[in-house]
Amino acid sequence: MKLNELGEFGFIERISPDHIPRPNHVVRGIGDDCAVIRTGDPDLYLITTDLLIEGIHFTRKTTDPRRLGRKSISVNLSDIAAMGGVPRDAFIAIAVPENLDVEFLDALYEGIHERTQEFQVNILGGDTTSSLRDFMISITLTGTCPDSQVLFRNTARPGDHIFLTGPVGDSAAGLDILLNRPEYDLTGRNSLIHAHLDPYPHIEQGRWIAQSGYAHAMIDVSDGVSADLGHICDESSVGCTINSHALPLSDELREYCHALKKDPLDFALSGGEDYVLLCTGDPALLDSAHSSHMELFDIGIIEESRERFIRNSHGMRYPFQSRGWDHFSGSP
């Protein structure tokens, strides 16, 4: 069997069993946005790692090193946010081709420092090595969260409402512009490209949701709404119904799709890399968000059945499959 036949998540399932010989301090291992460890302190310890590879996650032709630096740490910060945590310490490993300018690395670290300073994250170490061709950066980030507030993927309940903390689909549209339509020059161009190249982690929203007491499960939208909600459904053994008309879509995405005669739902559901948060919980969470001036969108409901549906504005429900980016298959 080839990896592109097995798929990214099939591979993860294949390597997951029987890798924890010392389980006593492990709250959560493979299968969530972060590993969660009990250390004896009142707070639980969160650990996440992400790898960005030139030609897969970015190209030097379509981004600049400063924004790449911010994005490389933001994707880790988003994982901490998805557990309801506070980010703490980072370790950075890079593989550098010999022809790369030192100025590129200077600007990369300037971008990283901008975001780590904003969230008071220490950079404590890492590794540097050479690469035969492409630039690679891997960041490991730690965080903490009170034991009673950590949110997982496997704790959604039937009857939960499904919420998003911001618009979805902009990043995928921005990538589409960069790769396929560089000549596109309507009003929303820069906003969509910015959403892809320089996402902002929802740390504040994640902490608020975790502290609210109304949320039951959470994940960040990195692979796409349908795929990431699918992870929650799989882990929690539940189904869902998404109300397509309730998905938060930006004016810029609507304009772009109108100009190209595309369906914005394709970008919103399957695009990925929006790095907003998707959570499930009591419907009272929405009222609490409004009173706290926190942006939150109610997009559907968790069902006891394992089936997954989309409901259109006319009330018709249609089955859907969770689709998002899979690194080994190379496509949504």
C-alpha atoms as a PDB file:
ATOM      1  CA  MET A   1       0.000   0.000   0.000  1.00  0.00           C
ATOM      2  CA  LYS A   2       1.217   3.499  -0.870  1.00  0.00           C
ATOM      3  CA  LEU A   3       0.924   6.472   1.470  1.00  0.00           C
ATOM      4  CA  ASN A   4      -1.323   8.304  -0.975  1.00  0.00           C
ATOM      5  CA  GLU A   5      -3.739   5.358  -0.739  1.00  0.00           C
ATOM      6  CA  LEU A   6      -3.645   5.196   3.058  1.00  0.00           C
ATOM      7  CA  GLY A   7      -3.968   8.957   3.572  1.00  0.00           C
ATOM      8  CA  GLU A   8      -2.631  11.217   6.300  1.00  0.00           C
ATOM      9  CA  PHE A   9      -5.149  10.253   8.973  1.00  0.00           C
ATOM     10  CA  GLY A  10      -5.034   6.585   8.075  1.00  0.00           C
ATOM     11  CA  PHE A  11      -1.292   6.747   8.670  1.00  0.00           C
ATOM     12  CA  ILE A  12      -1.808   8.478  12.027  1.00  0.00           C
ATOM     13  CA  GLU A  13      -4.228   5.735  13.087  1.00  0.00           C
ATOM     14  CA  ARG A  14      -1.708   3.122  11.946  1.00  0.00           C
ATOM     15  CA  ILE A  15       1.106   4.461  14.145  1.00  0.00           C
ATOM     16  CA  SER A  16      -0.989   5.487  17.166  1.00  0.00           C
ATOM     17  CA  PRO A  17      -1.511   2.236  19.154  1.00  0.00           C
ATOM     18  CA  ASP A  18       0.910   0.893  21.770  1.00  0.00           C
ATOM     19  CA  HIS A  19       3.251   3.887  21.922  1.00  0.00           C
ATOM     20  CA  ILE A  20       2.641   4.900  25.542  1.00  0.00           C
ATOM     21  CA  PRO A  21       4.539   2.563  27.910  1.00  0.00           C
ATOM     22  CA  ARG A  22       4.178   5.102  30.784  1.00  0.00           C
ATOM     23  CA  PRO A  23       0.508   6.147  30.640  1.00  0.00           C
ATOM     24  CA  ASN A  24       0.057   7.413  34.207  1.00  0.00           C
ATOM     25  CA  HIS A  25       0.779  11.087  33.467  1.00  0.00           C
ATOM     26  CA  VAL A  26      -0.704  11.155  29.944  1.00  0.00           C
ATOM     27  CA  VAL A  27      -4.130  12.763  29.709  1.00  0.00           C
ATOM     28  CA  ARG A  28      -4.230  12.850  25.897  1.00  0.00           C
ATOM     29  CA  GLY A  29      -1.733  11.596  23.319  1.00  0.00           C
ATOM     30  CA  ILE A  30      -2.108  11.320  19.544  1.00  0.00           C
ATOM     31  CA  GLY A  31      -5.513  12.398  18.271  1.00  0.00           C
ATOM     32  CA  ASP A  32      -5.981  15.998  19.380  1.00  0.00           C
ATOM     33  CA  ASP A  33      -4.565  19.446  18.655  1.00  0.00           C
ATOM     34  CA  CYS A  34      -2.083  19.040  21.520  1.00  0.00           C
ATOM     35  CA  ALA A  35      -0.761  16.295  23.706  1.00  0.00           C
ATOM     36  CA  VAL A  36      -1.908  16.867  27.292  1.00  0.00           C
ATOM     37  CA  ILE A  37       0.258  15.853  30.246  1.00  0.00           C
ATOM     38  CA  ARG A  38      -0.284  15.914  33.989  1.00  0.00           C
ATOM     39  CA  THR A  39       2.803  17.209  35.830  1.00  0.00           C
ATOM     40  CA  GLY A  40       1.547  17.534  39.397  1.00  0.00           C
ATOM     41  CA  ASP A  41       0.830  21.253  39.011  1.00  0.00           C
ATOM     42  CA  PRO A  42      -2.751  22.569  39.118  1.00  0.00           C
ATOM     43  CA  ASP A  43      -2.569  23.274  35.368  1.00  0.00           C
ATOM     44  CA  LEU A  44      -2.203  20.633  32.686  1.00  0.00           C
ATOM     45  CA  TYR A  45       0.719  20.858  30.276  1.00  0.00           C
ATOM     46  CA  LEU A  46       0.026  21.176  26.514  1.00  0.00           C
ATOM     47  CA  ILE A  47       2.523  20.332  23.752  1.00  0.00           C
ATOM     48  CA  THR A  48       2.115  20.734  19.997  1.00  0.00           C
ATOM     49  CA  THR A  49       4.434  20.669  16.995  1.00  0.00           C
ATOM     50  CA  ASP A  50       3.998  21.736  13.362  1.00  0.00           C
ATOM     51  CA  LEU A  51       6.238  21.427  10.312  1.00  0.00           C
ATOM     52  CA  LEU A  52       6.140  23.825   7.335  1.00  0.00           C
ATOM     53  CA  ILE A  53       7.975  22.727   4.183  1.00  0.00           C
ATOM     54  CA  GLU A  54       8.765  24.880   1.163  1.00  0.00           C
ATOM     55  CA  GLY A  55       6.818  23.695  -1.864  1.00  0.00           C
ATOM     56  CA  ILE A  56       4.158  22.034   0.312  1.00  0.00           C
ATOM     57  CA  HIS A  57       2.997  24.710   2.766  1.00  0.00           C
ATOM     58  CA  PHE A  58       4.501  27.813   1.169  1.00  0.00           C
ATOM     59  CA  THR A  59       6.726  29.075  -1.626  1.00  0.00           C
ATOM     60  CA  ARG A  60       9.221  31.892  -1.462  1.00  0.00           C
ATOM     61  CA  LYS A  61       7.620  33.304  -4.604  1.00  0.00           C
ATOM     62  CA  THR A  62       4.268  33.867  -2.941  1.00  0.00           C
ATOM     63  CA  THR A  63       5.197  34.944   0.583  1.00  0.00           C
ATOM     64  CA  ASP A  64       7.859  36.987   2.320  1.00  0.00           C
ATOM     65  CA  PRO A  65       9.980  35.693   5.228  1.00  0.00           C
ATOM     66  CA  ARG A  66       8.488  38.031   7.815  1.00  0.00           C
ATOM     67  CA  ARG A  67       4.950  36.822   7.188  1.00  0.00           C
ATOM     68  CA  LEU A  68       6.231  33.241   6.977  1.00  0.00           C
ATOM     69  CA  GLY A  69       7.729  33.701  10.434  1.00  0.00           C
ATOM     70  CA  ARG A  70       4.455  34.936  11.866  1.00  0.00           C
ATOM     71  CA  LYS A  71       2.483  32.124  10.224  1.00  0.00           C
ATOM     72  CA  SER A  72       4.920  29.424  11.325  1.00  0.00           C
ATOM     73  CA  ILE A  73       4.350  30.251  15.013  1.00  0.00           C
ATOM     74  CA  SER A  74       0.674  31.136  14.552  1.00  0.00           C
ATOM     75  CA  VAL A  75      -0.265  27.613  13.454  1.00  0.00           C
ATOM     76  CA  ASN A  76       1.155  26.320  16.747  1.00  0.00           C
ATOM     77  CA  LEU A  77      -0.528  29.059  18.754  1.00  0.00           C
ATOM     78  CA  SER A  78      -3.799  28.033  17.130  1.00  0.00           C
ATOM     79  CA  ASP A  79      -3.355  24.466  18.423  1.00  0.00           C
ATOM     80  CA  ILE A  80      -2.927  25.794  21.962  1.00  0.00           C
ATOM     81  CA  ALA A  81      -6.012  27.977  21.465  1.00  0.00           C
ATOM     82  CA  ALA A  82      -7.989  24.917  20.335  1.00  0.00           C
ATOM     83  CA  MET A  83      -7.416  23.287  23.730  1.00  0.00           C
ATOM     84  CA  GLY A  84      -8.365  26.462  25.601  1.00  0.00           C
ATOM     85  CA  GLY A  85      -4.775  27.020  26.698  1.00  0.00           C
ATOM     86  CA  VAL A  86      -2.239  29.774  27.265  1.00  0.00           C
ATOM     87  CA  PRO A  87       0.971  29.502  25.176  1.00  0.00           C
ATOM     88  CA  ARG A  88       4.264  29.393  27.081  1.00  0.00           C
ATOM     89  CA  ASP A  89       7.547  28.271  25.446  1.00  0.00           C
ATOM     90  CA  ALA A  90       8.694  27.538  21.888  1.00  0.00           C
ATOM     91  CA  PHE A  91      11.485  25.469  20.322  1.00  0.00           C
ATOM     92  CA  ILE A  92      12.371  26.189  16.687  1.00  0.00           C
ATOM     93  CA  ALA A  93      14.112  23.830  14.253  1.00  0.00           C
ATOM     94  CA  ILE A  94      15.052  24.897  10.732  1.00  0.00           C
ATOM     95  CA  ALA A  95      16.613  23.160   7.726  1.00  0.00           C
ATOM     96  CA  VAL A  96      18.354  25.700   5.488  1.00  0.00           C
ATOM     97  CA  PRO A  97      19.515  25.314   1.862  1.00  0.00           C
ATOM     98  CA  GLU A  98      23.040  26.638   1.411  1.00  0.00           C
ATOM     99  CA  ASN A  99      22.007  29.284  -1.132  1.00  0.00           C
ATOM    100  CA  LEU A 100      19.507  30.950   1.207  1.00  0.00           C
ATOM    101  CA  ASP A 101      20.316  34.558   2.078  1.00  0.00           C
ATOM    102  CA  VAL A 102      20.984  35.362   5.725  1.00  0.00           C
ATOM    103  CA  GLU A 103      18.626  38.335   5.298  1.00  0.00           C
ATOM    104  CA  PHE A 104      15.799  35.834   4.708  1.00  0.00           C
ATOM    105  CA  LEU A 105      16.475  34.230   8.081  1.00  0.00           C
ATOM    106  CA  ASP A 106      16.741  37.628   9.783  1.00  0.00           C
ATOM    107  CA  ALA A 107      13.321  38.624   8.480  1.00  0.00           C
ATOM    108  CA  LEU A 108      11.865  35.194   9.324  1.00  0.00           C
ATOM    109  CA  TYR A 109      12.897  35.539  12.954  1.00  0.00           C
ATOM    110  CA  GLU A 110      11.648  39.115  13.074  1.00  0.00           C
ATOM    111  CA  GLY A 111       8.219  37.778  12.132  1.00  0.00           C
ATOM    112  CA  ILE A 112       8.437  34.991  14.713  1.00  0.00           C
ATOM    113  CA  HIS A 113       9.479  37.478  17.399  1.00  0.00           C
ATOM    114  CA  GLU A 114       6.601  39.810  16.566  1.00  0.00           C
ATOM    115  CA  ARG A 115       4.096  37.090  17.344  1.00  0.00           C
ATOM    116  CA  THR A 116       5.912  35.531  20.304  1.00  0.00           C
ATOM    117  CA  GLN A 117       6.281  38.956  21.916  1.00  0.00           C
ATOM    118  CA  GLU A 118       2.575  39.624  21.431  1.00  0.00           C
ATOM    119  CA  PHE A 119       1.630  36.413  23.274  1.00  0.00           C
ATOM    120  CA  GLN A 120       4.569  36.463  25.729  1.00  0.00           C
ATOM    121  CA  VAL A 121       6.045  33.208  24.410  1.00  0.00           C
ATOM    122  CA  ASN A 122       9.668  32.382  25.234  1.00  0.00           C
ATOM    123  CA  ILE A 123      11.936  30.891  22.565  1.00  0.00           C
ATOM    124  CA  LEU A 124      14.065  28.430  24.527  1.00  0.00           C
ATOM    125  CA  GLY A 125      15.965  26.495  21.878  1.00  0.00           C
ATOM    126  CA  GLY A 126      15.684  24.253  18.858  1.00  0.00           C
ATOM    127  CA  ASP A 127      17.979  23.007  16.105  1.00  0.00           C
ATOM    128  CA  THR A 128      19.523  24.164  12.842  1.00  0.00           C
ATOM    129  CA  THR A 129      20.669  21.916  10.030  1.00  0.00           C
ATOM    130  CA  SER A 130      21.313  22.077   6.295  1.00  0.00           C
ATOM    131  CA  SER A 131      18.858  21.100   3.563  1.00  0.00           C
ATOM    132  CA  LEU A 132      19.787  19.835   0.120  1.00  0.00           C
ATOM    133  CA  ARG A 133      17.053  21.861  -1.573  1.00  0.00           C
ATOM    134  CA  ASP A 134      14.080  23.365   0.308  1.00  0.00           C
ATOM    135  CA  PHE A 135      13.672  25.440   3.443  1.00  0.00           C
ATOM    136  CA  MET A 136      11.839  23.806   6.359  1.00  0.00           C
ATOM    137  CA  ILE A 137      10.759  25.092   9.759  1.00  0.00           C
ATOM    138  CA  SER A 138       9.366  23.038  12.631  1.00  0.00           C
ATOM    139  CA  ILE A 139       8.141  24.630  15.843  1.00  0.00           C
ATOM    140  CA  THR A 140       7.252  22.885  19.076  1.00  0.00           C
ATOM    141  CA  LEU A 141       5.160  24.964  21.456  1.00  0.00           C
ATOM    142  CA  THR A 142       4.077  24.340  25.033  1.00  0.00           C
ATOM    143  CA  GLY A 143       1.142  25.766  26.906  1.00  0.00           C
ATOM    144  CA  THR A 144      -0.903  25.345  30.049  1.00  0.00           C
ATOM    145  CA  CYS A 145      -4.586  25.124  30.909  1.00  0.00           C
ATOM    146  CA  PRO A 146      -6.496  24.514  34.138  1.00  0.00           C
ATOM    147  CA  ASP A 147      -7.474  20.861  34.421  1.00  0.00           C
ATOM    148  CA  SER A 148     -11.202  21.566  34.450  1.00  0.00           C
ATOM    149  CA  GLN A 149     -11.083  23.799  31.352  1.00  0.00           C
ATOM    150  CA  VAL A 150      -9.143  21.794  28.742  1.00  0.00           C
ATOM    151  CA  LEU A 151     -11.296  21.067  25.688  1.00  0.00           C
ATOM    152  CA  PHE A 152     -10.823  17.952  23.557  1.00  0.00           C
ATOM    153  CA  ARG A 153     -12.168  16.589  20.275  1.00  0.00           C
ATOM    154  CA  ASN A 154     -13.836  13.531  21.796  1.00  0.00           C
ATOM    155  CA  THR A 155     -16.245  15.234  24.184  1.00  0.00           C
ATOM    156  CA  ALA A 156     -18.995  16.601  21.903  1.00  0.00           C
ATOM    157  CA  ARG A 157     -22.531  15.672  22.975  1.00  0.00           C
ATOM    158  CA  PRO A 158     -25.740  15.138  21.006  1.00  0.00           C
ATOM    159  CA  GLY A 159     -27.734  18.372  21.150  1.00  0.00           C
ATOM    160  CA  ASP A 160     -24.626  20.558  21.268  1.00  0.00           C
ATOM    161  CA  HIS A 161     -24.694  23.548  18.984  1.00  0.00           C
ATOM    162  CA  ILE A 162     -21.704  24.037  16.665  1.00  0.00           C
ATOM    163  CA  PHE A 163     -19.933  27.393  16.746  1.00  0.00           C
ATOM    164  CA  LEU A 164     -17.208  29.192  14.798  1.00  0.00           C
ATOM    165  CA  THR A 165     -15.168  32.138  16.073  1.00  0.00           C
ATOM    166  CA  GLY A 166     -14.752  33.808  12.679  1.00  0.00           C
ATOM    167  CA  PRO A 167     -15.216  33.667   8.905  1.00  0.00           C
ATOM    168  CA  VAL A 168     -14.070  30.639   6.926  1.00  0.00           C
ATOM    169  CA  GLY A 169     -12.944  30.188   3.332  1.00  0.00           C
ATOM    170  CA  ASP A 170     -10.848  33.335   2.968  1.00  0.00           C
ATOM    171  CA  SER A 171      -7.506  31.541   3.269  1.00  0.00           C
ATOM    172  CA  ALA A 172      -8.368  29.006   0.566  1.00  0.00           C
ATOM    173  CA  ALA A 173      -9.509  31.803  -1.745  1.00  0.00           C
ATOM    174  CA  GLY A 174      -6.280  33.684  -1.051  1.00  0.00           C
ATOM    175  CA  LEU A 175      -4.246  30.618  -1.968  1.00  0.00           C
ATOM    176  CA  ASP A 176      -6.322  30.200  -5.134  1.00  0.00           C
ATOM    177  CA  ILE A 177      -5.459  33.772  -6.128  1.00  0.00           C
ATOM    178  CA  LEU A 178      -1.749  33.303  -5.443  1.00  0.00           C
ATOM    179  CA  LEU A 179      -1.463  30.041  -7.378  1.00  0.00           C
ATOM    180  CA  ASN A 180      -4.002  30.411 -10.171  1.00  0.00           C
ATOM    181  CA  ARG A 181      -5.172  34.008 -10.541  1.00  0.00           C
ATOM    182  CA  PRO A 182      -2.351  36.458  -9.782  1.00  0.00           C
ATOM    183  CA  GLU A 183      -4.023  38.952 -12.131  1.00  0.00           C
ATOM    184  CA  TYR A 184      -7.176  39.128  -9.995  1.00  0.00           C
ATOM    185  CA  ASP A 185      -7.444  42.761  -8.878  1.00  0.00           C
ATOM    186  CA  LEU A 186     -10.890  43.311  -7.346  1.00  0.00           C
ATOM    187  CA  THR A 187     -11.270  45.023  -3.978  1.00  0.00           C
ATOM    188  CA  GLY A 188     -10.920  41.970  -1.732  1.00  0.00           C
ATOM    189  CA  ARG A 189      -7.716  40.591  -3.249  1.00  0.00           C
ATOM    190  CA  ASN A 190      -5.313  41.750  -0.527  1.00  0.00           C
ATOM    191  CA  SER A 191      -7.639  40.728   2.305  1.00  0.00           C
ATOM    192  CA  LEU A 192      -7.970  37.173   0.991  1.00  0.00           C
ATOM    193  CA  ILE A 193      -4.231  36.816   0.375  1.00  0.00           C
ATOM    194  CA  HIS A 194      -3.509  38.188   3.854  1.00  0.00           C
ATOM    195  CA  ALA A 195      -5.861  35.585   5.374  1.00  0.00           C
ATOM    196  CA  HIS A 196      -3.746  32.847   3.811  1.00  0.00           C
ATOM    197  CA  LEU A 197      -0.251  34.237   4.363  1.00  0.00           C
ATOM    198  CA  ASP A 198      -0.670  35.822   7.799  1.00  0.00           C
ATOM    199  CA  PRO A 199      -3.397  34.094   9.869  1.00  0.00           C
ATOM    200  CA  TYR A 200      -4.038  35.289  13.395  1.00  0.00           C
ATOM    201  CA  PRO A 201      -4.468  32.721  16.196  1.00  0.00           C
ATOM    202  CA  HIS A 202      -7.652  32.951  18.285  1.00  0.00           C
ATOM    203  CA  ILE A 203      -5.960  32.632  21.674  1.00  0.00           C
ATOM    204  CA  GLU A 204      -8.278  35.103  23.413  1.00  0.00           C
ATOM    205  CA  GLN A 205     -11.373  33.388  22.007  1.00  0.00           C
ATOM    206  CA  GLY A 206     -10.086  29.955  23.010  1.00  0.00           C
ATOM    207  CA  ARG A 207      -9.499  31.026  26.605  1.00  0.00           C
ATOM    208  CA  TRP A 208     -12.888  32.692  26.798  1.00  0.00           C
ATOM    209  CA  ILE A 209     -14.651  29.594  25.454  1.00  0.00           C
ATOM    210  CA  ALA A 210     -12.757  27.316  27.858  1.00  0.00           C
ATOM    211  CA  GLN A 211     -13.587  29.531  30.839  1.00  0.00           C
ATOM    212  CA  SER A 212     -17.254  29.907  29.888  1.00  0.00           C
ATOM    213  CA  GLY A 213     -18.273  26.472  31.151  1.00  0.00           C
ATOM    214  CA  TYR A 214     -20.663  26.089  28.204  1.00  0.00           C
ATOM    215  CA  ALA A 215     -18.322  24.410  25.694  1.00  0.00           C
ATOM    216  CA  HIS A 216     -17.770  20.662  25.433  1.00  0.00           C
ATOM    217  CA  ALA A 217     -15.362  20.094  22.506  1.00  0.00           C
ATOM    218  CA  MET A 218     -13.102  22.257  20.345  1.00  0.00           C
ATOM    219  CA  ILE A 219     -10.690  22.149  17.390  1.00  0.00           C
ATOM    220  CA  ASP A 220      -9.037  24.741  15.180  1.00  0.00           C
ATOM    221  CA  VAL A 221      -9.983  24.969  11.507  1.00  0.00           C
ATOM    222  CA  SER A 222      -6.759  23.969   9.779  1.00  0.00           C
ATOM    223  CA  ASP A 223      -7.995  21.284   7.358  1.00  0.00           C
ATOM    224  CA  GLY A 224     -11.421  22.807   6.580  1.00  0.00           C
ATOM    225  CA  VAL A 225     -14.730  23.048   8.446  1.00  0.00           C
ATOM    226  CA  SER A 226     -16.092  19.744   7.122  1.00  0.00           C
ATOM    227  CA  ALA A 227     -12.860  17.865   7.848  1.00  0.00           C
ATOM    228  CA  ASP A 228     -12.248  19.353  11.286  1.00  0.00           C
ATOM    229  CA  LEU A 229     -15.866  18.972  12.362  1.00  0.00           C
ATOM    230  CA  GLY A 230     -15.497  15.426  11.023  1.00  0.00           C
ATOM    231  CA  HIS A 231     -12.595  14.863  13.433  1.00  0.00           C
ATOM    232  CA  ILE A 232     -14.832  15.883  16.335  1.00  0.00           C
ATOM    233  CA  CYS A 233     -17.634  13.620  15.082  1.00  0.00           C
ATOM    234  CA  ASP A 234     -15.258  10.677  14.653  1.00  0.00           C
ATOM    235  CA  GLU A 235     -13.626  11.112  18.057  1.00  0.00           C
ATOM    236  CA  SER A 236     -16.939  11.740  19.847  1.00  0.00           C
ATOM    237  CA  SER A 237     -18.947   9.057  17.967  1.00  0.00           C
ATOM    238  CA  VAL A 238     -21.615  11.548  16.924  1.00  0.00           C
ATOM    239  CA  GLY A 239     -23.011  13.096  13.741  1.00  0.00           C
ATOM    240  CA  CYS A 240     -23.917  16.651  12.796  1.00  0.00           C
ATOM    241  CA  THR A 241     -26.032  18.980  10.714  1.00  0.00           C
ATOM    242  CA  ILE A 242     -24.459  22.157   9.317  1.00  0.00           C
ATOM    243  CA  ASN A 243     -26.723  25.024   8.276  1.00  0.00           C
ATOM    244  CA  SER A 244     -25.032  26.251   5.105  1.00  0.00           C
ATOM    245  CA  HIS A 245     -26.696  29.672   5.267  1.00  0.00           C
ATOM    246  CA  ALA A 246     -25.285  30.199   8.788  1.00  0.00           C
ATOM    247  CA  LEU A 247     -21.629  29.774   7.804  1.00  0.00           C
ATOM    248  CA  PRO A 248     -19.798  33.100   8.313  1.00  0.00           C
ATOM    249  CA  LEU A 249     -18.565  34.228   4.884  1.00  0.00           C
ATOM    250  CA  SER A 250     -16.710  37.489   4.326  1.00  0.00           C
ATOM    251  CA  ASP A 251     -17.827  40.043   1.749  1.00  0.00           C
ATOM    252  CA  GLU A 252     -14.450  39.573   0.058  1.00  0.00           C
ATOM    253  CA  LEU A 253     -15.017  35.837  -0.375  1.00  0.00           C
ATOM    254  CA  ARG A 254     -18.527  36.389  -1.722  1.00  0.00           C
ATOM    255  CA  GLU A 255     -17.204  38.976  -4.205  1.00  0.00           C
ATOM    256  CA  TYR A 256     -14.416  36.672  -5.362  1.00  0.00           C
ATOM    257  CA  CYS A 257     -16.746  33.706  -5.859  1.00  0.00           C
ATOM    258  CA  HIS A 258     -19.332  35.849  -7.637  1.00  0.00           C
ATOM    259  CA  ALA A 259     -16.674  37.125 -10.056  1.00  0.00           C
ATOM    260  CA  LEU A 260     -15.465  33.588 -10.806  1.00  0.00           C
ATOM    261  CA  LYS A 261     -18.900  31.930 -10.689  1.00  0.00           C
ATOM    262  CA  LYS A 262     -17.746  29.665  -7.864  1.00  0.00           C
ATOM    263  CA  ASP A 263     -19.638  28.459  -4.797  1.00  0.00           C
ATOM    264  CA  PRO A 264     -18.207  30.069  -1.630  1.00  0.00           C
ATOM    265  CA  LEU A 265     -19.312  27.002   0.343  1.00  0.00           C
ATOM    266  CA  ASP A 266     -16.595  24.965  -1.401  1.00  0.00           C
ATOM    267  CA  PHE A 267     -13.940  27.287   0.033  1.00  0.00           C
ATOM    268  CA  ALA A 268     -15.666  27.554   3.413  1.00  0.00           C
ATOM    269  CA  LEU A 269     -16.207  23.833   3.973  1.00  0.00           C
ATOM    270  CA  SER A 270     -13.107  22.283   2.397  1.00  0.00           C
ATOM    271  CA  GLY A 271     -10.503  25.024   2.080  1.00  0.00           C
ATOM    272  CA  GLY A 272      -8.664  24.958   5.388  1.00  0.00           C
ATOM    273  CA  GLU A 273      -5.992  27.129   7.017  1.00  0.00           C
ATOM    274  CA  ASP A 274      -8.475  29.644   8.404  1.00  0.00           C
ATOM    275  CA  TYR A 275      -7.252  28.988  11.979  1.00  0.00           C
ATOM    276  CA  VAL A 276     -10.501  30.104  13.567  1.00  0.00           C
ATOM    277  CA  LEU A 277     -11.903  27.857  16.285  1.00  0.00           C
ATOM    278  CA  LEU A 278     -14.774  25.402  15.952  1.00  0.00           C
ATOM    279  CA  CYS A 279     -16.419  24.322  19.179  1.00  0.00           C
ATOM    280  CA  THR A 280     -19.538  22.517  20.332  1.00  0.00           C
ATOM    281  CA  GLY A 281     -21.529  23.279  23.433  1.00  0.00           C
ATOM    282  CA  ASP A 282     -24.639  24.549  25.114  1.00  0.00           C
ATOM    283  CA  PRO A 283     -26.630  27.105  23.061  1.00  0.00           C
ATOM    284  CA  ALA A 284     -26.226  29.499  26.021  1.00  0.00           C
ATOM    285  CA  LEU A 285     -22.643  29.969  24.808  1.00  0.00           C
ATOM    286  CA  LEU A 286     -23.930  32.242  22.030  1.00  0.00           C
ATOM    287  CA  ASP A 287     -25.837  34.517  24.428  1.00  0.00           C
ATOM    288  CA  SER A 288     -22.801  34.659  26.680  1.00  0.00           C
ATOM    289  CA  ALA A 289     -20.617  35.589  23.700  1.00  0.00           C
ATOM    290  CA  HIS A 290     -22.936  38.428  22.724  1.00  0.00           C
ATOM    291  CA  SER A 291     -22.967  39.847  26.244  1.00  0.00           C
ATOM    292  CA  SER A 292     -19.155  39.606  26.333  1.00  0.00           C
ATOM    293  CA  HIS A 293     -18.778  41.226  22.883  1.00  0.00           C
ATOM    294  CA  MET A 294     -17.133  38.061  21.620  1.00  0.00           C
ATOM    295  CA  GLU A 295     -17.721  37.134  17.955  1.00  0.00           C
ATOM    296  CA  LEU A 296     -19.329  33.703  17.651  1.00  0.00           C
ATOM    297  CA  PHE A 297     -21.418  32.075  14.919  1.00  0.00           C
ATOM    298  CA  ASP A 298     -23.919  29.242  15.456  1.00  0.00           C
ATOM    299  CA  ILE A 299     -23.652  27.012  12.354  1.00  0.00           C
ATOM    300  CA  GLY A 300     -25.404  23.780  13.292  1.00  0.00           C
ATOM    301  CA  ILE A 301     -26.027  21.015  15.782  1.00  0.00           C
ATOM    302  CA  ILE A 302     -24.456  17.744  16.923  1.00  0.00           C
ATOM    303  CA  GLU A 303     -26.649  14.701  16.295  1.00  0.00           C
ATOM    304  CA  GLU A 304     -26.770  11.339  18.090  1.00  0.00           C
ATOM    305  CA  SER A 305     -26.728   9.551  14.730  1.00  0.00           C
ATOM    306  CA  ARG A 306     -23.287   9.181  13.156  1.00  0.00           C
ATOM    307  CA  GLU A 307     -24.592  10.691   9.899  1.00  0.00           C
ATOM    308  CA  ARG A 308     -23.524  14.124   8.663  1.00  0.00           C
ATOM    309  CA  PHE A 309     -25.782  16.550   6.846  1.00  0.00           C
ATOM    310  CA  ILE A 310     -25.833  20.026   5.360  1.00  0.00           C
ATOM    311  CA  ARG A 311     -29.136  21.915   5.542  1.00  0.00           C
ATOM    312  CA  ASN A 312     -29.724  24.632   2.940  1.00  0.00           C
ATOM    313  CA  SER A 313     -31.685  27.861   3.379  1.00  0.00           C
ATOM    314  CA  HIS A 314     -34.877  26.072   2.259  1.00  0.00           C
ATOM    315  CA  GLY A 315     -34.591  23.509   5.055  1.00  0.00           C
ATOM    316  CA  MET A 316     -33.523  20.608   2.821  1.00  0.00           C
ATOM    317  CA  ARG A 317     -30.852  18.305   4.291  1.00  0.00           C
ATOM    318  CA  TYR A 318     -28.213  16.547   2.199  1.00  0.00           C
ATOM    319  CA  PRO A 319     -25.571  14.040   3.340  1.00  0.00           C
ATOM    320  CA  PHE A 320     -21.991  15.235   3.066  1.00  0.00           C
ATOM    321  CA  GLN A 321     -18.565  13.713   3.450  1.00  0.00           C
ATOM    322  CA  SER A 322     -15.868  15.391   5.509  1.00  0.00           C
ATOM    323  CA  ARG A 323     -13.426  16.818   2.978  1.00  0.00           C
ATOM    324  CA  GLY A 324     -10.267  18.746   3.681  1.00  0.00           C
ATOM    325  CA  TRP A 325      -6.583  18.759   2.947  1.00  0.00           C
ATOM    326  CA  ASP A 326      -4.753  15.438   3.195  1.00  0.00           C
ATOM    327  CA  HIS A 327      -0.973  15.756   2.899  1.00  0.00           C
ATOM    328  CA  PHE A 328      -0.386  12.252   1.574  1.00  0.00           C
ATOM    329  CA  SER A 329      -3.129  12.269  -1.013  1.00  0.00           C
ATOM    330  CA  GLY A 330      -2.156  15.804  -2.037  1.00  0.00           C
ATOM    331  CA  SER A 331      -5.746  17.013  -2.360  1.00  0.00           C
ATOM    332  CA  PRO A 332      -8.963  17.713  -0.454  1.00  0.00           C
END
